[in-house]
Structure formats: structure tokens, C-alpha cells
Amino acid sequence: VKVIGIDNMNDYYDVELKKSRLDMFENDERFVFFKGSIADKELMMNI
């Protein structure tokens, strides 16, 4: 599989916790991550 992930990484709660969850995939080339908002239509269309 190839998994495309997107998240705006907002500070509604501890951003470090969010980063630690993403750390699990940092060496997996099947995972591509975008930091951004799904409310950004141009970004979503491009993805």
C-alpha cells in the first residue's frame, strides 16, 4: 500500500503527542505526510 497522510497539526492539544504518533512511520517509505488543512481546497485538489 501507499498511505498519504494529512494533518494540520494544530495545538488544540499537545503537538508533541501528535509528533510522537507520526514518528512511528518516519522510516516507512510507503507513508507520505502533508502538514496542512483539509479546508485548504487547493492543497487537497493537488494531493
All heavy atoms as atom14 arrays in JSON, in Angstrom:
{
  "sequence": "VKVIGIDNMNDYYDVELKKSRLDMFENDERFVFFKGSIADKELMMNI",
  "atom14_mask": [
    [1, 1, 1, 1, 1, 1, 1, 0, 0, 0, 0, 0, 0, 0],
    [1, 1, 1, 1, 1, 1, 1, 1, 1, 0, 0, 0, 0, 0],
    [1, 1, 1, 1, 1, 1, 1, 0, 0, 0, 0, 0, 0, 0],
    [1, 1, 1, 1, 1, 1, 1, 1, 0, 0, 0, 0, 0, 0],
    [1, 1, 1, 1, 0, 0, 0, 0, 0, 0, 0, 0, 0, 0],
    [1, 1, 1, 1, 1, 1, 1, 1, 0, 0, 0, 0, 0, 0],
    [1, 1, 1, 1, 1, 1, 1, 1, 0, 0, 0, 0, 0, 0],
    [1, 1, 1, 1, 1, 1, 1, 1, 0, 0, 0, 0, 0, 0],
    [1, 1, 1, 1, 1, 1, 1, 1, 0, 0, 0, 0, 0, 0],
    [1, 1, 1, 1, 1, 1, 1, 1, 0, 0, 0, 0, 0, 0],
    [1, 1, 1, 1, 1, 1, 1, 1, 0, 0, 0, 0, 0, 0],
    [1, 1, 1, 1, 1, 1, 1, 1, 1, 1, 1, 1, 0, 0],
    [1, 1, 1, 1, 1, 1, 1, 1, 1, 1, 1, 1, 0, 0],
    [1, 1, 1, 1, 1, 1, 1, 1, 0, 0, 0, 0, 0, 0],
    [1, 1, 1, 1, 1, 1, 1, 0, 0, 0, 0, 0, 0, 0],
    [1, 1, 1, 1, 1, 1, 1, 1, 1, 0, 0, 0, 0, 0],
    [1, 1, 1, 1, 1, 1, 1, 1, 0, 0, 0, 0, 0, 0],
    [1, 1, 1, 1, 1, 1, 1, 1, 1, 0, 0, 0, 0, 0],
    [1, 1, 1, 1, 1, 1, 1, 1, 1, 0, 0, 0, 0, 0],
    [1, 1, 1, 1, 1, 1, 0, 0, 0, 0, 0, 0, 0, 0],
    [1, 1, 1, 1, 1, 1, 1, 1, 1, 1, 1, 0, 0, 0],
    [1, 1, 1, 1, 1, 1, 1, 1, 0, 0, 0, 0, 0, 0],
    [1, 1, 1, 1, 1, 1, 1, 1, 0, 0, 0, 0, 0, 0],
    [1, 1, 1, 1, 1, 1, 1, 1, 0, 0, 0, 0, 0, 0],
    [1, 1, 1, 1, 1, 1, 1, 1, 1, 1, 1, 0, 0, 0],
    [1, 1, 1, 1, 1, 1, 1, 1, 1, 0, 0, 0, 0, 0],
    [1, 1, 1, 1, 1, 1, 1, 1, 0, 0, 0, 0, 0, 0],
    [1, 1, 1, 1, 1, 1, 1, 1, 0, 0, 0, 0, 0, 0],
    [1, 1, 1, 1, 1, 1, 1, 1, 1, 0, 0, 0, 0, 0],
    [1, 1, 1, 1, 1, 1, 1, 1, 1, 1, 1, 0, 0, 0],
    [1, 1, 1, 1, 1, 1, 1, 1, 1, 1, 1, 0, 0, 0],
    [1, 1, 1, 1, 1, 1, 1, 0, 0, 0, 0, 0, 0, 0],
    [1, 1, 1, 1, 1, 1, 1, 1, 1, 1, 1, 0, 0, 0],
    [1, 1, 1, 1, 1, 1, 1, 1, 1, 1, 1, 0, 0, 0],
    [1, 1, 1, 1, 1, 1, 1, 1, 1, 0, 0, 0, 0, 0],
    [1, 1, 1, 1, 0, 0, 0, 0, 0, 0, 0, 0, 0, 0],
    [1, 1, 1, 1, 1, 1, 0, 0, 0, 0, 0, 0, 0, 0],
    [1, 1, 1, 1, 1, 1, 1, 1, 0, 0, 0, 0, 0, 0],
    [1, 1, 1, 1, 1, 0, 0, 0, 0, 0, 0, 0, 0, 0],
    [1, 1, 1, 1, 1, 1, 1, 1, 0, 0, 0, 0, 0, 0],
    [1, 1, 1, 1, 1, 1, 1, 1, 1, 0, 0, 0, 0, 0],
    [1, 1, 1, 1, 1, 1, 1, 1, 1, 0, 0, 0, 0, 0],
    [1, 1, 1, 1, 1, 1, 1, 1, 0, 0, 0, 0, 0, 0],
    [1, 1, 1, 1, 1, 1, 1, 1, 0, 0, 0, 0, 0, 0],
    [1, 1, 1, 1, 1, 1, 1, 1, 0, 0, 0, 0, 0, 0],
    [1, 1, 1, 1, 1, 1, 1, 1, 0, 0, 0, 0, 0, 0],
    [1, 1, 1, 1, 1, 1, 1, 1, 0, 0, 0, 0, 0, 0]
  ],
  "atom14_positions": [
    [[0.84, -1.2, 0.0], [0.0, 0.0, 0.0], [0.88, 1.25, 0.0], [2.05, 1.2, 0.36], [-0.92, 0.09, 1.24], [-2.01, -0.95, 1.21], [-0.13, 0.02, 2.52], [0.0, 0.0, 0.0], [0.0, 0.0, 0.0], [0.0, 0.0, 0.0], [0.0, 0.0, 0.0], [0.0, 0.0, 0.0], [0.0, 0.0, 0.0], [0.0, 0.0, 0.0]],
    [[0.25, 2.35, -0.41], [0.87, 3.65, -0.18], [-0.16, 4.44, 0.6], [-1.32, 4.51, 0.21], [1.18, 4.34, -1.51], [2.0, 5.62, -1.31], [2.5, 6.15, -2.64], [3.61, 7.16, -2.46], [4.92, 6.57, -2.27], [0.0, 0.0, 0.0], [0.0, 0.0, 0.0], [0.0, 0.0, 0.0], [0.0, 0.0, 0.0], [0.0, 0.0, 0.0]],
    [[0.26, 5.0, 1.73], [-0.67, 5.78, 2.55], [-0.25, 7.25, 2.5], [0.9, 7.59, 2.8], [-0.7, 5.29, 4.02], [-1.66, 6.15, 4.84], [-1.12, 3.82, 4.09], [0.0, 0.0, 0.0], [0.0, 0.0, 0.0], [0.0, 0.0, 0.0], [0.0, 0.0, 0.0], [0.0, 0.0, 0.0], [0.0, 0.0, 0.0], [0.0, 0.0, 0.0]],
    [[-1.18, 8.08, 2.07], [-0.96, 9.53, 2.09], [-1.64, 10.06, 3.33], [-2.85, 9.85, 3.52], [-1.58, 10.23, 0.84], [-1.28, 9.45, -0.44], [-1.13, 11.68, 0.76], [0.17, 9.26, -0.76], [0.0, 0.0, 0.0], [0.0, 0.0, 0.0], [0.0, 0.0, 0.0], [0.0, 0.0, 0.0], [0.0, 0.0, 0.0], [0.0, 0.0, 0.0]],
    [[-0.88, 10.71, 4.2], [-1.47, 11.27, 5.42], [-1.47, 12.79, 5.35], [-0.56, 13.39, 4.79], [0.0, 0.0, 0.0], [0.0, 0.0, 0.0], [0.0, 0.0, 0.0], [0.0, 0.0, 0.0], [0.0, 0.0, 0.0], [0.0, 0.0, 0.0], [0.0, 0.0, 0.0], [0.0, 0.0, 0.0], [0.0, 0.0, 0.0], [0.0, 0.0, 0.0]],
    [[-2.5, 13.39, 5.9], [-2.54, 14.86, 6.02], [-3.06, 15.21, 7.39], [-3.95, 14.53, 7.93], [-3.38, 15.52, 4.9], [-3.4, 17.04, 5.08], [-4.8, 14.97, 4.84], [-3.98, 17.81, 3.91], [0.0, 0.0, 0.0], [0.0, 0.0, 0.0], [0.0, 0.0, 0.0], [0.0, 0.0, 0.0], [0.0, 0.0, 0.0], [0.0, 0.0, 0.0]],
    [[-2.49, 16.26, 7.99], [-2.96, 16.75, 9.29], [-2.47, 18.18, 9.45], [-1.35, 18.5, 9.04], [-2.4, 15.87, 10.42], [-3.23, 15.99, 11.7], [-3.27, 17.1, 12.27], [-3.82, 14.98, 12.12], [0.0, 0.0, 0.0], [0.0, 0.0, 0.0], [0.0, 0.0, 0.0], [0.0, 0.0, 0.0], [0.0, 0.0, 0.0], [0.0, 0.0, 0.0]],
    [[-3.3, 19.02, 10.05], [-2.84, 20.42, 10.22], [-1.99, 20.59, 11.48], [-1.45, 21.67, 11.71], [-4.03, 21.4, 10.21], [-4.95, 21.23, 11.41], [-4.71, 20.4, 12.29], [-6.01, 22.02, 11.46], [0.0, 0.0, 0.0], [0.0, 0.0, 0.0], [0.0, 0.0, 0.0], [0.0, 0.0, 0.0], [0.0, 0.0, 0.0], [0.0, 0.0, 0.0]],
    [[-1.89, 19.53, 12.29], [-1.03, 19.55, 13.49], [-1.34, 20.75, 14.39], [-0.44, 21.37, 14.94], [0.46, 19.6, 13.09], [0.91, 18.46, 12.2], [0.94, 16.87, 13.05], [2.39, 17.05, 14.06], [0.0, 0.0, 0.0], [0.0, 0.0, 0.0], [0.0, 0.0, 0.0], [0.0, 0.0, 0.0], [0.0, 0.0, 0.0], [0.0, 0.0, 0.0]],
    [[-2.61, 21.09, 14.52], [-2.95, 22.28, 15.33], [-2.69, 22.02, 16.81], [-2.44, 20.89, 17.24], [-4.39, 22.74, 15.08], [-5.43, 21.79, 15.66], [-5.12, 20.92, 16.46], [-6.67, 21.95, 15.26], [0.0, 0.0, 0.0], [0.0, 0.0, 0.0], [0.0, 0.0, 0.0], [0.0, 0.0, 0.0], [0.0, 0.0, 0.0], [0.0, 0.0, 0.0]],
    [[-2.72, 23.09, 17.6], [-2.36, 22.96, 19.01], [-3.59, 22.84, 19.92], [-3.55, 23.23, 21.08], [-1.49, 24.14, 19.45], [-2.2, 25.48, 19.31], [-3.38, 25.49, 18.87], [-1.6, 26.51, 19.66], [0.0, 0.0, 0.0], [0.0, 0.0, 0.0], [0.0, 0.0, 0.0], [0.0, 0.0, 0.0], [0.0, 0.0, 0.0], [0.0, 0.0, 0.0]],
    [[-4.67, 22.27, 19.38], [-5.86, 22.01, 20.22], [-5.45, 21.16, 21.42], [-5.96, 21.29, 22.51], [-6.94, 21.32, 19.39], [-8.1, 20.77, 20.19], [-8.94, 21.63, 20.9], [-8.37, 19.41, 20.24], [-10.0, 21.13, 21.65], [-9.43, 18.9, 20.97], [-10.23, 19.77, 21.68], [-11.29, 19.28, 22.42], [0.0, 0.0, 0.0], [0.0, 0.0, 0.0]],
    [[-4.49, 20.26, 21.21], [-3.83, 19.59, 22.33], [-2.36, 19.38, 21.98], [-1.93, 19.69, 20.86], [-4.54, 18.29, 22.74], [-4.59, 17.18, 21.71], [-3.48, 16.37, 21.46], [-5.76, 16.91, 21.0], [-3.52, 15.35, 20.54], [-5.82, 15.88, 20.08], [-4.7, 15.11, 19.85], [-4.75, 14.09, 18.93], [0.0, 0.0, 0.0], [0.0, 0.0, 0.0]],
    [[-1.6, 18.87, 22.91], [-0.15, 18.72, 22.84], [0.37, 18.25, 21.47], [0.17, 17.11, 21.08], [0.26, 17.72, 23.93], [1.76, 17.55, 24.03], [2.49, 18.26, 23.31], [2.21, 16.69, 24.82], [0.0, 0.0, 0.0], [0.0, 0.0, 0.0], [0.0, 0.0, 0.0], [0.0, 0.0, 0.0], [0.0, 0.0, 0.0], [0.0, 0.0, 0.0]],
    [[1.05, 19.16, 20.78], [1.58, 18.84, 19.44], [2.67, 17.77, 19.53], [2.85, 16.97, 18.61], [2.11, 20.12, 18.75], [2.7, 19.8, 17.38], [0.98, 21.14, 18.58], [0.0, 0.0, 0.0], [0.0, 0.0, 0.0], [0.0, 0.0, 0.0], [0.0, 0.0, 0.0], [0.0, 0.0, 0.0], [0.0, 0.0, 0.0], [0.0, 0.0, 0.0]],
    [[3.39, 17.73, 20.66], [4.44, 16.71, 20.83], [3.85, 15.3, 20.78], [4.48, 14.36, 20.28], [5.19, 16.92, 22.16], [6.07, 18.16, 22.19], [7.03, 18.25, 21.01], [7.73, 17.24, 20.72], [7.08, 19.31, 20.35], [0.0, 0.0, 0.0], [0.0, 0.0, 0.0], [0.0, 0.0, 0.0], [0.0, 0.0, 0.0], [0.0, 0.0, 0.0]],
    [[2.65, 15.16, 21.33], [1.98, 13.86, 21.3], [1.66, 13.48, 19.84], [1.87, 12.33, 19.42], [0.69, 13.93, 22.14], [-0.15, 12.66, 22.27], [0.67, 11.49, 22.81], [-1.36, 12.91, 23.17], [0.0, 0.0, 0.0], [0.0, 0.0, 0.0], [0.0, 0.0, 0.0], [0.0, 0.0, 0.0], [0.0, 0.0, 0.0], [0.0, 0.0, 0.0]],
    [[1.21, 14.46, 19.07], [0.91, 14.21, 17.65], [2.18, 13.82, 16.89], [2.19, 12.9, 16.08], [0.27, 15.45, 17.01], [-1.07, 15.81, 17.61], [-1.69, 17.02, 16.93], [-3.02, 17.37, 17.59], [-3.74, 18.46, 16.92], [0.0, 0.0, 0.0], [0.0, 0.0, 0.0], [0.0, 0.0, 0.0], [0.0, 0.0, 0.0], [0.0, 0.0, 0.0]],
    [[3.28, 14.54, 17.2], [4.55, 14.23, 16.53], [5.01, 12.83, 16.89], [5.53, 12.09, 16.05], [5.62, 15.25, 16.94], [5.44, 16.62, 16.29], [6.53, 17.57, 16.76], [6.34, 18.96, 16.17], [7.13, 19.98, 16.91], [0.0, 0.0, 0.0], [0.0, 0.0, 0.0], [0.0, 0.0, 0.0], [0.0, 0.0, 0.0], [0.0, 0.0, 0.0]],
    [[4.85, 12.45, 18.16], [5.31, 11.12, 18.59], [4.54, 10.02, 17.86], [5.08, 8.95, 17.59], [5.16, 10.96, 20.11], [3.82, 10.72, 20.46], [0.0, 0.0, 0.0], [0.0, 0.0, 0.0], [0.0, 0.0, 0.0], [0.0, 0.0, 0.0], [0.0, 0.0, 0.0], [0.0, 0.0, 0.0], [0.0, 0.0, 0.0], [0.0, 0.0, 0.0]],
    [[3.26, 10.3, 17.54], [2.49, 9.29, 16.79], [3.03, 9.15, 15.37], [3.11, 8.05, 14.84], [1.02, 9.7, 16.75], [0.3, 9.71, 18.1], [-1.07, 10.31, 17.9], [-1.86, 10.42, 19.12], [-2.75, 11.39, 19.31], [-2.94, 12.31, 18.38], [-3.46, 11.43, 20.41], [0.0, 0.0, 0.0], [0.0, 0.0, 0.0], [0.0, 0.0, 0.0]],
    [[3.41, 10.27, 14.77], [3.93, 10.23, 13.4], [5.32, 9.61, 13.33], [5.71, 9.05, 12.3], [3.98, 11.64, 12.8], [2.65, 12.27, 12.4], [2.86, 13.69, 11.88], [1.91, 11.45, 11.34], [0.0, 0.0, 0.0], [0.0, 0.0, 0.0], [0.0, 0.0, 0.0], [0.0, 0.0, 0.0], [0.0, 0.0, 0.0], [0.0, 0.0, 0.0]],
    [[6.07, 9.71, 14.44], [7.42, 9.15, 14.48], [7.44, 7.66, 14.14], [8.44, 7.12, 13.66], [8.06, 9.35, 15.86], [8.46, 10.82, 16.08], [8.47, 11.58, 15.09], [8.74, 11.19, 17.24], [0.0, 0.0, 0.0], [0.0, 0.0, 0.0], [0.0, 0.0, 0.0], [0.0, 0.0, 0.0], [0.0, 0.0, 0.0], [0.0, 0.0, 0.0]],
    [[6.3, 6.99, 14.41], [6.22, 5.54, 14.13], [6.47, 5.23, 12.66], [6.88, 4.14, 12.3], [4.82, 5.01, 14.49], [4.45, 5.08, 15.94], [2.88, 4.22, 16.27], [1.64, 5.37, 15.64], [0.0, 0.0, 0.0], [0.0, 0.0, 0.0], [0.0, 0.0, 0.0], [0.0, 0.0, 0.0], [0.0, 0.0, 0.0], [0.0, 0.0, 0.0]],
    [[6.19, 6.2, 11.78], [6.24, 5.92, 10.34], [7.41, 6.58, 9.63], [7.49, 6.54, 8.41], [4.94, 6.39, 9.66], [3.7, 6.16, 10.46], [2.88, 7.21, 10.84], [3.35, 4.87, 10.86], [1.74, 7.0, 11.6], [2.22, 4.65, 11.62], [1.4, 5.7, 11.99], [0.0, 0.0, 0.0], [0.0, 0.0, 0.0], [0.0, 0.0, 0.0]],
    [[8.29, 7.22, 10.39], [9.28, 8.07, 9.71], [10.22, 7.29, 8.8], [10.75, 7.84, 7.84], [10.06, 8.93, 10.71], [10.93, 8.16, 11.68], [11.63, 9.08, 12.66], [11.52, 10.31, 12.52], [12.29, 8.56, 13.58], [0.0, 0.0, 0.0], [0.0, 0.0, 0.0], [0.0, 0.0, 0.0], [0.0, 0.0, 0.0], [0.0, 0.0, 0.0]],
    [[10.4, 6.0, 9.06], [11.3, 5.22, 8.2], [10.56, 4.35, 7.2], [11.16, 3.49, 6.55], [12.22, 4.35, 9.07], [13.07, 5.21, 9.99], [13.56, 6.26, 9.58], [13.23, 4.78, 11.24], [0.0, 0.0, 0.0], [0.0, 0.0, 0.0], [0.0, 0.0, 0.0], [0.0, 0.0, 0.0], [0.0, 0.0, 0.0], [0.0, 0.0, 0.0]],
    [[9.25, 4.56, 7.08], [8.46, 3.74, 6.15], [8.17, 4.54, 4.89], [7.4, 5.5, 4.91], [7.15, 3.31, 6.83], [6.49, 2.14, 6.1], [6.61, 2.08, 4.85], [5.87, 1.3, 6.78], [0.0, 0.0, 0.0], [0.0, 0.0, 0.0], [0.0, 0.0, 0.0], [0.0, 0.0, 0.0], [0.0, 0.0, 0.0], [0.0, 0.0, 0.0]],
    [[8.82, 4.12, 3.78], [8.64, 4.92, 2.56], [7.27, 4.76, 1.92], [6.94, 5.44, 0.97], [9.75, 4.6, 1.55], [9.81, 3.17, 1.12], [11.26, 2.66, 1.03], [12.16, 3.28, 1.59], [11.44, 1.62, 0.38], [0.0, 0.0, 0.0], [0.0, 0.0, 0.0], [0.0, 0.0, 0.0], [0.0, 0.0, 0.0], [0.0, 0.0, 0.0]],
    [[6.46, 3.84, 2.49], [5.08, 3.71, 1.97], [4.17, 4.81, 2.5], [3.02, 4.9, 2.1], [4.51, 2.34, 2.36], [5.26, 1.16, 1.75], [4.79, -0.15, 2.35], [5.03, -0.21, 3.79], [4.39, -1.03, 4.62], [3.46, -1.86, 4.16], [4.66, -1.03, 5.91], [0.0, 0.0, 0.0], [0.0, 0.0, 0.0], [0.0, 0.0, 0.0]],
    [[4.7, 5.62, 3.42], [3.89, 6.69, 4.03], [4.41, 8.06, 3.61], [5.59, 8.34, 3.73], [3.94, 6.56, 5.55], [3.12, 7.59, 6.29], [1.73, 7.59, 6.21], [3.73, 8.58, 7.06], [0.98, 8.53, 6.89], [2.98, 9.53, 7.75], [1.6, 9.51, 7.66], [0.0, 0.0, 0.0], [0.0, 0.0, 0.0], [0.0, 0.0, 0.0]],
    [[3.51, 8.88, 3.1], [3.85, 10.26, 2.71], [2.97, 11.19, 3.53], [1.75, 11.01, 3.58], [3.57, 10.5, 1.2], [3.94, 11.92, 0.81], [4.3, 9.5, 0.35], [0.0, 0.0, 0.0], [0.0, 0.0, 0.0], [0.0, 0.0, 0.0], [0.0, 0.0, 0.0], [0.0, 0.0, 0.0], [0.0, 0.0, 0.0], [0.0, 0.0, 0.0]],
    [[3.58, 12.18, 4.18], [2.8, 13.06, 5.07], [2.81, 14.5, 4.58], [3.84, 15.03, 4.17], [3.36, 13.0, 6.5], [2.58, 13.87, 7.46], [1.31, 13.49, 7.87], [3.11, 15.07, 7.93], [0.58, 14.3, 8.75], [2.39, 15.87, 8.8], [1.13, 15.49, 9.2], [0.0, 0.0, 0.0], [0.0, 0.0, 0.0], [0.0, 0.0, 0.0]],
    [[1.63, 15.12, 4.63], [1.49, 16.55, 4.33], [0.99, 17.27, 5.57], [0.0, 16.86, 6.17], [0.47, 16.78, 3.2], [0.95, 16.33, 1.86], [0.74, 15.02, 1.44], [1.62, 17.2, 1.01], [1.19, 14.59, 0.21], [2.06, 16.78, -0.23], [1.85, 15.47, -0.64], [0.0, 0.0, 0.0], [0.0, 0.0, 0.0], [0.0, 0.0, 0.0]],
    [[1.69, 18.34, 5.94], [1.18, 19.18, 7.02], [0.32, 20.26, 6.38], [0.83, 21.08, 5.61], [2.32, 19.82, 7.81], [1.79, 20.61, 9.0], [2.88, 21.35, 9.77], [2.19, 22.23, 10.81], [3.14, 23.09, 11.51], [0.0, 0.0, 0.0], [0.0, 0.0, 0.0], [0.0, 0.0, 0.0], [0.0, 0.0, 0.0], [0.0, 0.0, 0.0]],
    [[-0.97, 20.21, 6.64], [-1.87, 21.18, 6.04], [-3.3, 20.87, 6.43], [-3.57, 19.86, 7.08], [0.0, 0.0, 0.0], [0.0, 0.0, 0.0], [0.0, 0.0, 0.0], [0.0, 0.0, 0.0], [0.0, 0.0, 0.0], [0.0, 0.0, 0.0], [0.0, 0.0, 0.0], [0.0, 0.0, 0.0], [0.0, 0.0, 0.0], [0.0, 0.0, 0.0]],
    [[-4.2, 21.73, 6.02], [-5.6, 21.62, 6.43], [-6.47, 21.11, 5.28], [-6.26, 21.51, 4.13], [-6.12, 22.99, 6.88], [-7.52, 22.95, 7.02], [0.0, 0.0, 0.0], [0.0, 0.0, 0.0], [0.0, 0.0, 0.0], [0.0, 0.0, 0.0], [0.0, 0.0, 0.0], [0.0, 0.0, 0.0], [0.0, 0.0, 0.0], [0.0, 0.0, 0.0]],
    [[-7.41, 20.26, 5.6], [-8.35, 19.81, 4.56], [-9.25, 20.96, 4.12], [-9.92, 20.87, 3.09], [-9.2, 18.59, 5.01], [-10.02, 18.91, 6.27], [-8.34, 17.36, 5.21], [-11.08, 17.86, 6.59], [0.0, 0.0, 0.0], [0.0, 0.0, 0.0], [0.0, 0.0, 0.0], [0.0, 0.0, 0.0], [0.0, 0.0, 0.0], [0.0, 0.0, 0.0]],
    [[-9.25, 22.06, 4.87], [-10.02, 23.25, 4.47], [-9.3, 24.03, 3.37], [-9.86, 24.95, 2.79], [-10.28, 24.15, 5.68], [0.0, 0.0, 0.0], [0.0, 0.0, 0.0], [0.0, 0.0, 0.0], [0.0, 0.0, 0.0], [0.0, 0.0, 0.0], [0.0, 0.0, 0.0], [0.0, 0.0, 0.0], [0.0, 0.0, 0.0], [0.0, 0.0, 0.0]],
    [[-8.05, 23.64, 3.08], [-7.29, 24.27, 2.0], [-7.58, 23.51, 0.71], [-6.99, 22.47, 0.43], [-5.79, 24.19, 2.36], [-4.88, 24.79, 1.3], [-5.34, 24.99, 0.16], [-3.7, 25.04, 1.62], [0.0, 0.0, 0.0], [0.0, 0.0, 0.0], [0.0, 0.0, 0.0], [0.0, 0.0, 0.0], [0.0, 0.0, 0.0], [0.0, 0.0, 0.0]],
    [[-8.52, 24.06, -0.07], [-9.01, 23.33, -1.24], [-7.92, 23.07, -2.28], [-7.84, 21.98, -2.85], [-10.17, 24.1, -1.88], [-10.92, 23.27, -2.91], [-12.21, 23.92, -3.34], [-13.06, 22.92, -4.12], [-14.33, 23.51, -4.55], [0.0, 0.0, 0.0], [0.0, 0.0, 0.0], [0.0, 0.0, 0.0], [0.0, 0.0, 0.0], [0.0, 0.0, 0.0]],
    [[-7.07, 24.05, -2.48], [-6.02, 23.9, -3.49], [-5.07, 22.75, -3.12], [-4.72, 21.91, -3.94], [-5.23, 25.22, -3.61], [-4.34, 25.26, -4.82], [-3.55, 26.56, -4.92], [-3.81, 27.5, -4.14], [-2.64, 26.61, -5.77], [0.0, 0.0, 0.0], [0.0, 0.0, 0.0], [0.0, 0.0, 0.0], [0.0, 0.0, 0.0], [0.0, 0.0, 0.0]],
    [[-4.69, 22.71, -1.84], [-3.82, 21.63, -1.37], [-4.48, 20.27, -1.6], [-3.86, 19.33, -2.1], [-3.51, 21.82, 0.13], [-2.79, 20.65, 0.81], [-1.37, 20.48, 0.26], [-2.74, 20.85, 2.33], [0.0, 0.0, 0.0], [0.0, 0.0, 0.0], [0.0, 0.0, 0.0], [0.0, 0.0, 0.0], [0.0, 0.0, 0.0], [0.0, 0.0, 0.0]],
    [[-5.76, 20.17, -1.22], [-6.47, 18.9, -1.35], [-6.57, 18.47, -2.81], [-6.34, 17.31, -3.16], [-7.87, 18.99, -0.71], [-7.87, 19.18, 0.79], [-6.77, 18.07, 1.69], [-7.52, 16.49, 1.32], [0.0, 0.0, 0.0], [0.0, 0.0, 0.0], [0.0, 0.0, 0.0], [0.0, 0.0, 0.0], [0.0, 0.0, 0.0], [0.0, 0.0, 0.0]],
    [[-6.91, 19.42, -3.69], [-7.02, 19.12, -5.12], [-5.67, 18.62, -5.66], [-5.61, 17.66, -6.42], [-7.45, 20.37, -5.9], [-8.91, 20.75, -5.68], [-10.04, 19.53, -6.41], [-11.6, 20.41, -6.32], [0.0, 0.0, 0.0], [0.0, 0.0, 0.0], [0.0, 0.0, 0.0], [0.0, 0.0, 0.0], [0.0, 0.0, 0.0], [0.0, 0.0, 0.0]],
    [[-4.59, 19.27, -5.22], [-3.26, 18.88, -5.68], [-2.9, 17.47, -5.24], [-2.35, 16.68, -6.01], [-2.19, 19.86, -5.17], [-2.29, 21.21, -5.86], [-2.89, 21.31, -6.93], [-1.72, 22.25, -5.26], [0.0, 0.0, 0.0], [0.0, 0.0, 0.0], [0.0, 0.0, 0.0], [0.0, 0.0, 0.0], [0.0, 0.0, 0.0], [0.0, 0.0, 0.0]],
    [[-3.23, 17.16, -3.97], [-2.94, 15.81, -3.44], [-3.71, 14.75, -4.24], [-3.16, 13.73, -4.66], [-3.27, 15.71, -1.93], [-2.25, 16.53, -1.12], [-3.27, 14.25, -1.46], [-2.58, 16.65, 0.37], [0.0, 0.0, 0.0], [0.0, 0.0, 0.0], [0.0, 0.0, 0.0], [0.0, 0.0, 0.0], [0.0, 0.0, 0.0], [0.0, 0.0, 0.0]]
  ]
}
